[in-house]
Amino acid sequence: MTHAIDRLSVTSAELVRKFGRWQDRVATGPLFITHHGRERLVMLSTANYRALVEGAGASNDSGPDGVDADQRLEAVVDLIAQGFIAFDADLAVTRMNPVAACYLRGHRHLLMGRKLGEIYPGVSHSLLETYLARAVRSGETGAFDAPSFASPDDWLHLQTFPFGRGAAVLFRNAGDEVEMRRQNVAISAATAAAAAHGGIGHGWLSPRGTFTRVDDQLAAMAGFTPQTLAGVRLTDILPLKRRVEAGERVEAVLSGAGPAAFDTELLVNRGGELPVRIGLADLKGEYSSSGAVLVVTPLA
């Protein structure tokens, strides 16, 4: 065992042999553990460790470093494109960025310290309030779409998470996404209704005019399976005399000229032709056409 002049120390071997004795000594102050003559570790009692951590936390909250951290956080949340609102443990507003203040149509300083439910009664007992309470209570995070609490005709995408001793929410407008999902549901329903009808065929063309998808009704009209028509040009299942005109109409639709319809014939597998009417509409992608949708019905 060795002793420093002004602090308690012990070799690692001595600590292992007489741990019970040394753990009692640690109650009075830190114990420096040496290995080959050099101090390597410091042993603290749990009480002293807690005091050290709490002291460091208080220093960070109130000192210059804590102030800098707050200022950096303010700068970040002020720059993001999403709305940001922070709440205390009672779900009163403690912080928000300009996007959120603009969306709430109020000045930030007038909203601080108030609960959203006081300003917008629809927030009380809502999904948003439930998720914020969970974030405070158990540290749970959440992400969901919900009708806007500030604008009845809007939808918001919201993300909730623990923040400090309270919770926070990031939100953005999701009206376009919700409407797109509704349209997709309507399209799926219309496709199902057409399939039940039995006399309407659907297909999807690539920007090159080849089939990317064919339903059973359209494939049956031509006497093929849907898999057989995958990658085949629409014009390839039309009579030679109709191909130039059909190709020009497909190209016009894919170039953005608008929907079009024309009468033609389908070449039926194993011989024969089926008079049909074809309707075409462009599938608009983010930057250019993604292809076209076609609807085919037999002519009486």
C-alpha atoms as a PDB file:
ATOM      1  CA  MET A   1       0.000   0.000   0.000  1.00  0.00           C
ATOM      2  CA  THR A   2       1.216   3.517  -0.781  1.00  0.00           C
ATOM      3  CA  HIS A   3      -0.028   6.926   0.314  1.00  0.00           C
ATOM      4  CA  ALA A   4       0.280  10.173  -1.591  1.00  0.00           C
ATOM      5  CA  ILE A   5       1.120  13.237   0.462  1.00  0.00           C
ATOM      6  CA  ASP A   6      -2.276  14.918   0.170  1.00  0.00           C
ATOM      7  CA  ARG A   7      -4.645  12.218  -1.094  1.00  0.00           C
ATOM      8  CA  LEU A   8      -5.531   8.598  -0.550  1.00  0.00           C
ATOM      9  CA  SER A   9      -4.153   6.013  -3.005  1.00  0.00           C
ATOM     10  CA  VAL A  10      -3.746   2.255  -3.219  1.00  0.00           C
ATOM     11  CA  THR A  11      -2.240  -0.239  -5.632  1.00  0.00           C
ATOM     12  CA  SER A  12      -4.619  -2.259  -7.776  1.00  0.00           C
ATOM     13  CA  ALA A  13      -3.330  -5.507  -6.218  1.00  0.00           C
ATOM     14  CA  GLU A  14      -3.927  -4.223  -2.689  1.00  0.00           C
ATOM     15  CA  LEU A  15      -7.444  -3.062  -3.658  1.00  0.00           C
ATOM     16  CA  VAL A  16      -8.351  -6.525  -4.962  1.00  0.00           C
ATOM     17  CA  ARG A  17      -7.043  -8.271  -1.846  1.00  0.00           C
ATOM     18  CA  LYS A  18      -8.758  -5.948   0.655  1.00  0.00           C
ATOM     19  CA  PHE A  19     -11.686  -4.491  -1.267  1.00  0.00           C
ATOM     20  CA  GLY A  20     -14.035  -4.431   1.763  1.00  0.00           C
ATOM     21  CA  ARG A  21     -11.631  -2.278   3.747  1.00  0.00           C
ATOM     22  CA  TRP A  22     -11.016   0.175   0.944  1.00  0.00           C
ATOM     23  CA  GLN A  23     -14.644   0.601   0.012  1.00  0.00           C
ATOM     24  CA  ASP A  24     -15.224   1.868   3.561  1.00  0.00           C
ATOM     25  CA  ARG A  25     -12.377   4.358   3.170  1.00  0.00           C
ATOM     26  CA  VAL A  26     -13.882   5.660  -0.060  1.00  0.00           C
ATOM     27  CA  ALA A  27     -16.852   6.971   1.919  1.00  0.00           C
ATOM     28  CA  THR A  28     -14.632   9.799   3.192  1.00  0.00           C
ATOM     29  CA  GLY A  29     -13.198  10.815  -0.177  1.00  0.00           C
ATOM     30  CA  PRO A  30     -11.877   9.677  -3.570  1.00  0.00           C
ATOM     31  CA  LEU A  31      -9.419   6.793  -3.774  1.00  0.00           C
ATOM     32  CA  PHE A  32      -6.718   6.908  -6.464  1.00  0.00           C
ATOM     33  CA  ILE A  33      -5.787   3.446  -7.790  1.00  0.00           C
ATOM     34  CA  THR A  34      -2.236   2.943  -9.066  1.00  0.00           C
ATOM     35  CA  HIS A  35      -0.762   0.345 -11.407  1.00  0.00           C
ATOM     36  CA  HIS A  36       3.010   0.027 -11.765  1.00  0.00           C
ATOM     37  CA  GLY A  37       3.395   3.233  -9.793  1.00  0.00           C
ATOM     38  CA  ARG A  38       1.088   5.371 -11.952  1.00  0.00           C
ATOM     39  CA  GLU A  39      -2.382   6.570 -11.061  1.00  0.00           C
ATOM     40  CA  ARG A  40      -4.851   4.898 -13.446  1.00  0.00           C
ATOM     41  CA  LEU A  41      -8.338   5.108 -11.911  1.00  0.00           C
ATOM     42  CA  VAL A  42     -10.314   6.983  -9.257  1.00  0.00           C
ATOM     43  CA  MET A  43     -12.818   5.198  -7.043  1.00  0.00           C
ATOM     44  CA  LEU A  44     -15.759   7.207  -5.626  1.00  0.00           C
ATOM     45  CA  SER A  45     -18.639   6.391  -3.337  1.00  0.00           C
ATOM     46  CA  THR A  46     -22.055   6.506  -5.004  1.00  0.00           C
ATOM     47  CA  ALA A  47     -22.985   9.552  -2.903  1.00  0.00           C
ATOM     48  CA  ASN A  48     -19.925  11.478  -4.040  1.00  0.00           C
ATOM     49  CA  TYR A  49     -20.488  10.403  -7.654  1.00  0.00           C
ATOM     50  CA  ARG A  50     -24.095  11.643  -7.628  1.00  0.00           C
ATOM     51  CA  ALA A  51     -22.998  14.953  -6.117  1.00  0.00           C
ATOM     52  CA  LEU A  52     -20.361  15.312  -8.832  1.00  0.00           C
ATOM     53  CA  VAL A  53     -22.829  14.598 -11.652  1.00  0.00           C
ATOM     54  CA  GLU A  54     -25.518  16.895 -10.270  1.00  0.00           C
ATOM     55  CA  GLY A  55     -22.976  19.658  -9.788  1.00  0.00           C
ATOM     56  CA  ALA A  56     -21.790  19.301 -13.381  1.00  0.00           C
ATOM     57  CA  GLY A  57     -25.395  19.328 -14.621  1.00  0.00           C
ATOM     58  CA  ALA A  58     -26.187  22.506 -12.702  1.00  0.00           C
ATOM     59  CA  SER A  59     -23.045  24.135 -14.064  1.00  0.00           C
ATOM     60  CA  ASN A  60     -23.970  23.237 -17.634  1.00  0.00           C
ATOM     61  CA  ASP A  61     -27.523  24.551 -17.222  1.00  0.00           C
ATOM     62  CA  SER A  62     -26.526  27.901 -15.750  1.00  0.00           C
ATOM     63  CA  GLY A  63     -22.994  28.550 -16.969  1.00  0.00           C
ATOM     64  CA  PRO A  64     -21.712  29.976 -20.265  1.00  0.00           C
ATOM     65  CA  ASP A  65     -21.638  26.499 -21.900  1.00  0.00           C
ATOM     66  CA  GLY A  66     -25.313  25.971 -21.104  1.00  0.00           C
ATOM     67  CA  VAL A  67     -26.166  29.384 -22.513  1.00  0.00           C
ATOM     68  CA  ASP A  68     -24.238  28.604 -25.690  1.00  0.00           C
ATOM     69  CA  ALA A  69     -26.063  25.299 -26.067  1.00  0.00           C
ATOM     70  CA  ASP A  70     -29.417  27.071 -25.738  1.00  0.00           C
ATOM     71  CA  GLN A  71     -28.389  29.648 -28.303  1.00  0.00           C
ATOM     72  CA  ARG A  72     -27.254  26.955 -30.731  1.00  0.00           C
ATOM     73  CA  LEU A  73     -30.544  25.091 -30.286  1.00  0.00           C
ATOM     74  CA  GLU A  74     -32.519  28.286 -30.928  1.00  0.00           C
ATOM     75  CA  ALA A  75     -30.545  28.867 -34.122  1.00  0.00           C
ATOM     76  CA  VAL A  76     -31.191  25.336 -35.380  1.00  0.00           C
ATOM     77  CA  VAL A  77     -34.927  25.237 -34.679  1.00  0.00           C
ATOM     78  CA  ASP A  78     -35.350  28.696 -36.201  1.00  0.00           C
ATOM     79  CA  LEU A  79     -33.857  27.472 -39.487  1.00  0.00           C
ATOM     80  CA  ILE A  80     -35.691  24.175 -40.010  1.00  0.00           C
ATOM     81  CA  ALA A  81     -38.599  24.091 -42.443  1.00  0.00           C
ATOM     82  CA  GLN A  82     -40.879  22.209 -40.038  1.00  0.00           C
ATOM     83  CA  GLY A  83     -42.858  23.697 -37.212  1.00  0.00           C
ATOM     84  CA  PHE A  84     -41.290  23.036 -33.788  1.00  0.00           C
ATOM     85  CA  ILE A  85     -43.037  23.428 -30.430  1.00  0.00           C
ATOM     86  CA  ALA A  86     -41.556  22.392 -27.083  1.00  0.00           C
ATOM     87  CA  PHE A  87     -43.606  21.797 -23.936  1.00  0.00           C
ATOM     88  CA  ASP A  88     -42.885  21.436 -20.245  1.00  0.00           C
ATOM     89  CA  ALA A  89     -44.026  18.444 -18.198  1.00  0.00           C
ATOM     90  CA  ASP A  90     -47.513  19.992 -17.890  1.00  0.00           C
ATOM     91  CA  LEU A  91     -47.664  20.467 -21.694  1.00  0.00           C
ATOM     92  CA  ALA A  92     -47.444  24.243 -21.538  1.00  0.00           C
ATOM     93  CA  VAL A  93     -45.557  25.801 -24.464  1.00  0.00           C
ATOM     94  CA  THR A  94     -41.950  26.692 -23.616  1.00  0.00           C
ATOM     95  CA  ARG A  95     -40.425  27.228 -27.057  1.00  0.00           C
ATOM     96  CA  MET A  96     -41.416  27.403 -30.708  1.00  0.00           C
ATOM     97  CA  ASN A  97     -39.770  28.363 -33.970  1.00  0.00           C
ATOM     98  CA  PRO A  98     -40.993  31.007 -36.465  1.00  0.00           C
ATOM     99  CA  VAL A  99     -42.596  28.353 -38.709  1.00  0.00           C
ATOM    100  CA  ALA A 100     -44.791  27.176 -35.843  1.00  0.00           C
ATOM    101  CA  ALA A 101     -45.636  30.730 -34.765  1.00  0.00           C
ATOM    102  CA  CYS A 102     -46.615  31.631 -38.321  1.00  0.00           C
ATOM    103  CA  TYR A 103     -48.773  28.532 -38.640  1.00  0.00           C
ATOM    104  CA  LEU A 104     -50.480  29.329 -35.332  1.00  0.00           C
ATOM    105  CA  ARG A 105     -50.967  32.908 -36.558  1.00  0.00           C
ATOM    106  CA  GLY A 106     -49.614  34.378 -33.356  1.00  0.00           C
ATOM    107  CA  HIS A 107     -46.514  35.926 -31.836  1.00  0.00           C
ATOM    108  CA  ARG A 108     -44.278  33.532 -29.992  1.00  0.00           C
ATOM    109  CA  HIS A 109     -44.167  35.554 -26.779  1.00  0.00           C
ATOM    110  CA  LEU A 110     -47.987  35.592 -26.576  1.00  0.00           C
ATOM    111  CA  LEU A 111     -48.151  31.791 -26.824  1.00  0.00           C
ATOM    112  CA  MET A 112     -45.448  30.948 -24.304  1.00  0.00           C
ATOM    113  CA  GLY A 113     -46.610  29.405 -21.059  1.00  0.00           C
ATOM    114  CA  ARG A 114     -50.021  28.492 -22.440  1.00  0.00           C
ATOM    115  CA  LYS A 115     -51.348  25.074 -23.317  1.00  0.00           C
ATOM    116  CA  LEU A 116     -52.319  24.468 -26.923  1.00  0.00           C
ATOM    117  CA  GLY A 117     -55.685  23.231 -25.685  1.00  0.00           C
ATOM    118  CA  GLU A 118     -56.387  26.732 -24.338  1.00  0.00           C
ATOM    119  CA  ILE A 119     -55.859  28.227 -27.788  1.00  0.00           C
ATOM    120  CA  TYR A 120     -57.214  25.344 -29.862  1.00  0.00           C
ATOM    121  CA  PRO A 121     -59.800  23.317 -27.906  1.00  0.00           C
ATOM    122  CA  GLY A 122     -59.513  20.464 -30.412  1.00  0.00           C
ATOM    123  CA  VAL A 123     -56.070  19.623 -29.018  1.00  0.00           C
ATOM    124  CA  SER A 124     -57.531  18.556 -25.662  1.00  0.00           C
ATOM    125  CA  HIS A 125     -57.890  14.765 -25.513  1.00  0.00           C
ATOM    126  CA  SER A 126     -56.575  14.535 -29.086  1.00  0.00           C
ATOM    127  CA  LEU A 127     -54.028  12.108 -30.510  1.00  0.00           C
ATOM    128  CA  LEU A 128     -51.400  14.866 -30.317  1.00  0.00           C
ATOM    129  CA  GLU A 129     -52.002  15.468 -26.618  1.00  0.00           C
ATOM    130  CA  THR A 130     -51.944  11.710 -25.963  1.00  0.00           C
ATOM    131  CA  TYR A 131     -48.574  11.261 -27.683  1.00  0.00           C
ATOM    132  CA  LEU A 132     -47.066  14.299 -25.955  1.00  0.00           C
ATOM    133  CA  ALA A 133     -48.175  12.931 -22.581  1.00  0.00           C
ATOM    134  CA  ARG A 134     -46.604   9.563 -23.418  1.00  0.00           C
ATOM    135  CA  ALA A 135     -43.350  11.297 -24.381  1.00  0.00           C
ATOM    136  CA  VAL A 136     -43.268  13.026 -20.982  1.00  0.00           C
ATOM    137  CA  ARG A 137     -44.336   9.961 -19.005  1.00  0.00           C
ATOM    138  CA  SER A 138     -42.352   7.160 -20.639  1.00  0.00           C
ATOM    139  CA  GLY A 139     -40.041   8.698 -23.239  1.00  0.00           C
ATOM    140  CA  GLU A 140     -42.117   7.297 -26.113  1.00  0.00           C
ATOM    141  CA  THR A 141     -41.742   8.769 -29.598  1.00  0.00           C
ATOM    142  CA  GLY A 142     -44.540   8.881 -32.166  1.00  0.00           C
ATOM    143  CA  ALA A 143     -45.229   9.775 -35.798  1.00  0.00           C
ATOM    144  CA  PHE A 144     -48.692  10.107 -37.297  1.00  0.00           C
ATOM    145  CA  ASP A 145     -50.970  12.107 -39.606  1.00  0.00           C
ATOM    146  CA  ALA A 146     -53.913  13.963 -38.112  1.00  0.00           C
ATOM    147  CA  PRO A 147     -56.324  16.782 -38.984  1.00  0.00           C
ATOM    148  CA  SER A 148     -54.719  20.128 -38.234  1.00  0.00           C
ATOM    149  CA  PHE A 149     -55.517  21.593 -34.816  1.00  0.00           C
ATOM    150  CA  ALA A 150     -55.147  25.120 -36.240  1.00  0.00           C
ATOM    151  CA  SER A 151     -56.765  24.819 -39.683  1.00  0.00           C
ATOM    152  CA  PRO A 152     -59.731  22.419 -40.020  1.00  0.00           C
ATOM    153  CA  ASP A 153     -59.205  21.851 -43.750  1.00  0.00           C
ATOM    154  CA  ASP A 154     -55.538  20.859 -43.394  1.00  0.00           C
ATOM    155  CA  TRP A 155     -53.774  17.657 -42.397  1.00  0.00           C
ATOM    156  CA  LEU A 156     -50.451  17.576 -40.557  1.00  0.00           C
ATOM    157  CA  HIS A 157     -47.696  15.012 -40.238  1.00  0.00           C
ATOM    158  CA  LEU A 158     -46.531  15.153 -36.610  1.00  0.00           C
ATOM    159  CA  GLN A 159     -43.541  13.663 -34.796  1.00  0.00           C
ATOM    160  CA  THR A 160     -43.524  13.715 -30.996  1.00  0.00           C
ATOM    161  CA  PHE A 161     -40.566  12.949 -28.741  1.00  0.00           C
ATOM    162  CA  PRO A 162     -39.153  13.658 -25.256  1.00  0.00           C
ATOM    163  CA  PHE A 163     -37.477  17.047 -24.939  1.00  0.00           C
ATOM    164  CA  GLY A 164     -35.732  18.112 -21.754  1.00  0.00           C
ATOM    165  CA  ARG A 165     -38.129  17.482 -18.877  1.00  0.00           C
ATOM    166  CA  GLY A 166     -41.090  17.752 -21.222  1.00  0.00           C
ATOM    167  CA  ALA A 167     -41.862  16.921 -24.824  1.00  0.00           C
ATOM    168  CA  ALA A 168     -41.770  18.448 -28.291  1.00  0.00           C
ATOM    169  CA  VAL A 169     -43.447  18.097 -31.651  1.00  0.00           C
ATOM    170  CA  LEU A 170     -42.223  18.642 -35.200  1.00  0.00           C
ATOM    171  CA  PHE A 171     -44.963  19.118 -37.770  1.00  0.00           C
ATOM    172  CA  ARG A 172     -45.473  19.891 -41.447  1.00  0.00           C
ATOM    173  CA  ASN A 173     -48.401  20.140 -43.832  1.00  0.00           C
ATOM    174  CA  ALA A 174     -49.448  16.723 -45.152  1.00  0.00           C
ATOM    175  CA  GLY A 175     -52.598  17.729 -47.031  1.00  0.00           C
ATOM    176  CA  ASP A 176     -51.214  16.827 -50.458  1.00  0.00           C
ATOM    177  CA  GLU A 177     -50.029  13.420 -49.260  1.00  0.00           C
ATOM    178  CA  VAL A 178     -53.372  12.614 -47.637  1.00  0.00           C
ATOM    179  CA  GLU A 179     -55.225  13.691 -50.770  1.00  0.00           C
ATOM    180  CA  MET A 180     -52.916  11.543 -52.895  1.00  0.00           C
ATOM    181  CA  ARG A 181     -53.636   8.536 -50.704  1.00  0.00           C
ATOM    182  CA  ARG A 182     -57.360   9.196 -51.045  1.00  0.00           C
ATOM    183  CA  GLN A 183     -57.016   9.368 -54.813  1.00  0.00           C
ATOM    184  CA  ASN A 184     -55.068   6.116 -54.851  1.00  0.00           C
ATOM    185  CA  VAL A 185     -57.822   4.444 -52.840  1.00  0.00           C
ATOM    186  CA  ALA A 186     -60.403   5.806 -55.292  1.00  0.00           C
ATOM    187  CA  ILE A 187     -58.355   4.552 -58.255  1.00  0.00           C
ATOM    188  CA  SER A 188     -58.059   1.118 -56.677  1.00  0.00           C
ATOM    189  CA  ALA A 189     -61.817   1.056 -56.104  1.00  0.00           C
ATOM    190  CA  ALA A 190     -62.490   2.126 -59.707  1.00  0.00           C
ATOM    191  CA  THR A 191     -60.154  -0.585 -60.979  1.00  0.00           C
ATOM    192  CA  ALA A 192     -61.917  -3.182 -58.857  1.00  0.00           C
ATOM    193  CA  ALA A 193     -65.299  -1.988 -60.136  1.00  0.00           C
ATOM    194  CA  ALA A 194     -64.061  -2.223 -63.736  1.00  0.00           C
ATOM    195  CA  ALA A 195     -62.803  -5.752 -63.106  1.00  0.00           C
ATOM    196  CA  ALA A 196     -66.196  -6.706 -61.715  1.00  0.00           C
ATOM    197  CA  HIS A 197     -67.868  -5.153 -64.753  1.00  0.00           C
ATOM    198  CA  GLY A 198     -65.875  -7.474 -66.994  1.00  0.00           C
ATOM    199  CA  GLY A 199     -66.036  -5.397 -70.172  1.00  0.00           C
ATOM    200  CA  ILE A 200     -63.299  -2.861 -69.416  1.00  0.00           C
ATOM    201  CA  GLY A 201     -59.583  -3.575 -69.782  1.00  0.00           C
ATOM    202  CA  HIS A 202     -56.758  -1.584 -68.164  1.00  0.00           C
ATOM    203  CA  GLY A 203     -53.088  -1.320 -68.988  1.00  0.00           C
ATOM    204  CA  TRP A 204     -50.078   0.788 -68.032  1.00  0.00           C
ATOM    205  CA  LEU A 205     -47.496   1.902 -70.579  1.00  0.00           C
ATOM    206  CA  SER A 206     -43.873   2.887 -70.001  1.00  0.00           C
ATOM    207  CA  PRO A 207     -42.508   6.141 -71.516  1.00  0.00           C
ATOM    208  CA  ARG A 208     -41.378   3.948 -74.434  1.00  0.00           C
ATOM    209  CA  GLY A 209     -44.945   2.780 -75.092  1.00  0.00           C
ATOM    210  CA  THR A 210     -44.454  -0.779 -73.807  1.00  0.00           C
ATOM    211  CA  PHE A 211     -46.768  -2.493 -71.361  1.00  0.00           C
ATOM    212  CA  THR A 212     -45.589  -2.446 -67.748  1.00  0.00           C
ATOM    213  CA  ARG A 213     -48.825  -3.906 -66.454  1.00  0.00           C
ATOM    214  CA  VAL A 214     -51.904  -5.462 -68.051  1.00  0.00           C
ATOM    215  CA  ASP A 215     -55.028  -6.600 -66.232  1.00  0.00           C
ATOM    216  CA  ASP A 216     -56.787  -9.884 -66.917  1.00  0.00           C
ATOM    217  CA  GLN A 217     -59.616  -8.268 -68.901  1.00  0.00           C
ATOM    218  CA  LEU A 218     -57.346  -6.538 -71.429  1.00  0.00           C
ATOM    219  CA  ALA A 219     -55.126  -9.600 -71.792  1.00  0.00           C
ATOM    220  CA  ALA A 220     -58.196 -11.787 -72.413  1.00  0.00           C
ATOM    221  CA  MET A 221     -59.422  -9.435 -75.158  1.00  0.00           C
ATOM    222  CA  ALA A 222     -56.187 -10.078 -77.048  1.00  0.00           C
ATOM    223  CA  GLY A 223     -56.118 -13.780 -76.169  1.00  0.00           C
ATOM    224  CA  PHE A 224     -52.938 -13.620 -74.030  1.00  0.00           C
ATOM    225  CA  THR A 225     -51.976 -13.798 -70.370  1.00  0.00           C
ATOM    226  CA  PRO A 226     -50.922 -10.563 -68.616  1.00  0.00           C
ATOM    227  CA  GLN A 227     -47.374 -11.938 -68.230  1.00  0.00           C
ATOM    228  CA  THR A 228     -47.065 -12.542 -71.981  1.00  0.00           C
ATOM    229  CA  LEU A 229     -47.861  -8.900 -72.791  1.00  0.00           C
ATOM    230  CA  ALA A 230     -45.327  -7.459 -70.311  1.00  0.00           C
ATOM    231  CA  GLY A 231     -42.731  -5.419 -72.250  1.00  0.00           C
ATOM    232  CA  VAL A 232     -44.732  -5.631 -75.530  1.00  0.00           C
ATOM    233  CA  ARG A 233     -45.523  -2.404 -77.396  1.00  0.00           C
ATOM    234  CA  LEU A 234     -49.174  -1.443 -77.614  1.00  0.00           C
ATOM    235  CA  THR A 235     -48.785  -1.011 -81.356  1.00  0.00           C
ATOM    236  CA  ASP A 236     -47.563  -4.607 -81.682  1.00  0.00           C
ATOM    237  CA  ILE A 237     -51.023  -5.972 -80.856  1.00  0.00           C
ATOM    238  CA  LEU A 238     -52.723  -3.712 -83.420  1.00  0.00           C
ATOM    239  CA  PRO A 239     -53.120  -4.362 -87.176  1.00  0.00           C
ATOM    240  CA  LEU A 240     -50.301  -3.011 -89.355  1.00  0.00           C
ATOM    241  CA  LYS A 241     -52.595  -0.452 -90.957  1.00  0.00           C
ATOM    242  CA  ARG A 242     -53.425   1.010 -87.497  1.00  0.00           C
ATOM    243  CA  ARG A 243     -49.943   1.139 -85.984  1.00  0.00           C
ATOM    244  CA  VAL A 244     -48.711   4.486 -87.299  1.00  0.00           C
ATOM    245  CA  GLU A 245     -51.805   6.363 -86.142  1.00  0.00           C
ATOM    246  CA  ALA A 246     -51.820   4.608 -82.765  1.00  0.00           C
ATOM    247  CA  GLY A 247     -48.100   5.276 -82.281  1.00  0.00           C
ATOM    248  CA  GLU A 248     -48.609   8.989 -82.970  1.00  0.00           C
ATOM    249  CA  ARG A 249     -51.458   9.180 -80.468  1.00  0.00           C
ATOM    250  CA  VAL A 250     -49.450   7.411 -77.780  1.00  0.00           C
ATOM    251  CA  GLU A 251     -46.466   9.707 -78.413  1.00  0.00           C
ATOM    252  CA  ALA A 252     -48.678  12.799 -78.197  1.00  0.00           C
ATOM    253  CA  VAL A 253     -50.105  11.721 -74.837  1.00  0.00           C
ATOM    254  CA  LEU A 254     -46.642  10.879 -73.454  1.00  0.00           C
ATOM    255  CA  SER A 255     -45.421  14.310 -74.624  1.00  0.00           C
ATOM    256  CA  GLY A 256     -48.054  16.083 -72.541  1.00  0.00           C
ATOM    257  CA  ALA A 257     -50.670  16.836 -75.208  1.00  0.00           C
ATOM    258  CA  GLY A 258     -53.433  15.625 -72.887  1.00  0.00           C
ATOM    259  CA  PRO A 259     -55.733  12.587 -72.790  1.00  0.00           C
ATOM    260  CA  ALA A 260     -56.864  11.050 -76.076  1.00  0.00           C
ATOM    261  CA  ALA A 261     -59.176   8.319 -77.356  1.00  0.00           C
ATOM    262  CA  PHE A 262     -59.431   6.492 -80.676  1.00  0.00           C
ATOM    263  CA  ASP A 263     -61.091   3.483 -82.258  1.00  0.00           C
ATOM    264  CA  THR A 264     -59.004   0.617 -83.562  1.00  0.00           C
ATOM    265  CA  GLU A 265     -58.776  -3.189 -83.539  1.00  0.00           C
ATOM    266  CA  LEU A 266     -56.839  -5.599 -81.365  1.00  0.00           C
ATOM    267  CA  LEU A 267     -55.101  -8.548 -82.982  1.00  0.00           C
ATOM    268  CA  VAL A 268     -56.509 -11.580 -81.231  1.00  0.00           C
ATOM    269  CA  ASN A 269     -54.174 -14.480 -80.584  1.00  0.00           C
ATOM    270  CA  ARG A 270     -54.759 -17.381 -83.005  1.00  0.00           C
ATOM    271  CA  GLY A 271     -56.446 -15.113 -85.550  1.00  0.00           C
ATOM    272  CA  GLY A 272     -59.137 -12.475 -85.844  1.00  0.00           C
ATOM    273  CA  GLU A 273     -59.484  -8.822 -84.859  1.00  0.00           C
ATOM    274  CA  LEU A 274     -61.548  -7.248 -82.078  1.00  0.00           C
ATOM    275  CA  PRO A 275     -62.887  -3.706 -82.647  1.00  0.00           C
ATOM    276  CA  VAL A 276     -62.153  -1.624 -79.547  1.00  0.00           C
ATOM    277  CA  ARG A 277     -62.001   1.937 -78.262  1.00  0.00           C
ATOM    278  CA  ILE A 278     -58.818   2.955 -76.459  1.00  0.00           C
ATOM    279  CA  GLY A 279     -58.515   5.851 -74.026  1.00  0.00           C
ATOM    280  CA  LEU A 280     -55.068   7.166 -72.995  1.00  0.00           C
ATOM    281  CA  ALA A 281     -53.935   9.524 -70.235  1.00  0.00           C
ATOM    282  CA  ASP A 282     -50.458  10.613 -69.195  1.00  0.00           C
ATOM    283  CA  LEU A 283     -48.960   9.409 -65.894  1.00  0.00           C
ATOM    284  CA  LYS A 284     -47.208  12.535 -64.631  1.00  0.00           C
ATOM    285  CA  GLY A 285     -44.029  11.929 -62.631  1.00  0.00           C
ATOM    286  CA  GLU A 286     -42.031  14.376 -60.517  1.00  0.00           C
ATOM    287  CA  TYR A 287     -40.090  15.821 -63.439  1.00  0.00           C
ATOM    288  CA  SER A 288     -41.400  14.116 -66.581  1.00  0.00           C
ATOM    289  CA  SER A 289     -43.920  11.587 -67.827  1.00  0.00           C
ATOM    290  CA  SER A 290     -43.828   8.184 -66.118  1.00  0.00           C
ATOM    291  CA  GLY A 291     -45.834   6.612 -68.915  1.00  0.00           C
ATOM    292  CA  ALA A 292     -49.550   6.366 -69.592  1.00  0.00           C
ATOM    293  CA  VAL A 293     -52.687   4.549 -68.498  1.00  0.00           C
ATOM    294  CA  LEU A 294     -54.968   3.072 -71.123  1.00  0.00           C
ATOM    295  CA  VAL A 295     -58.547   1.882 -70.903  1.00  0.00           C
ATOM    296  CA  VAL A 296     -59.892  -0.482 -73.554  1.00  0.00           C
ATOM    297  CA  THR A 297     -63.546  -1.351 -74.203  1.00  0.00           C
ATOM    298  CA  PRO A 298     -64.927  -3.539 -77.002  1.00  0.00           C
ATOM    299  CA  LEU A 299     -67.056  -1.775 -79.606  1.00  0.00           C
ATOM    300  CA  ALA A 300     -70.552  -3.159 -80.080  1.00  0.00           C
END
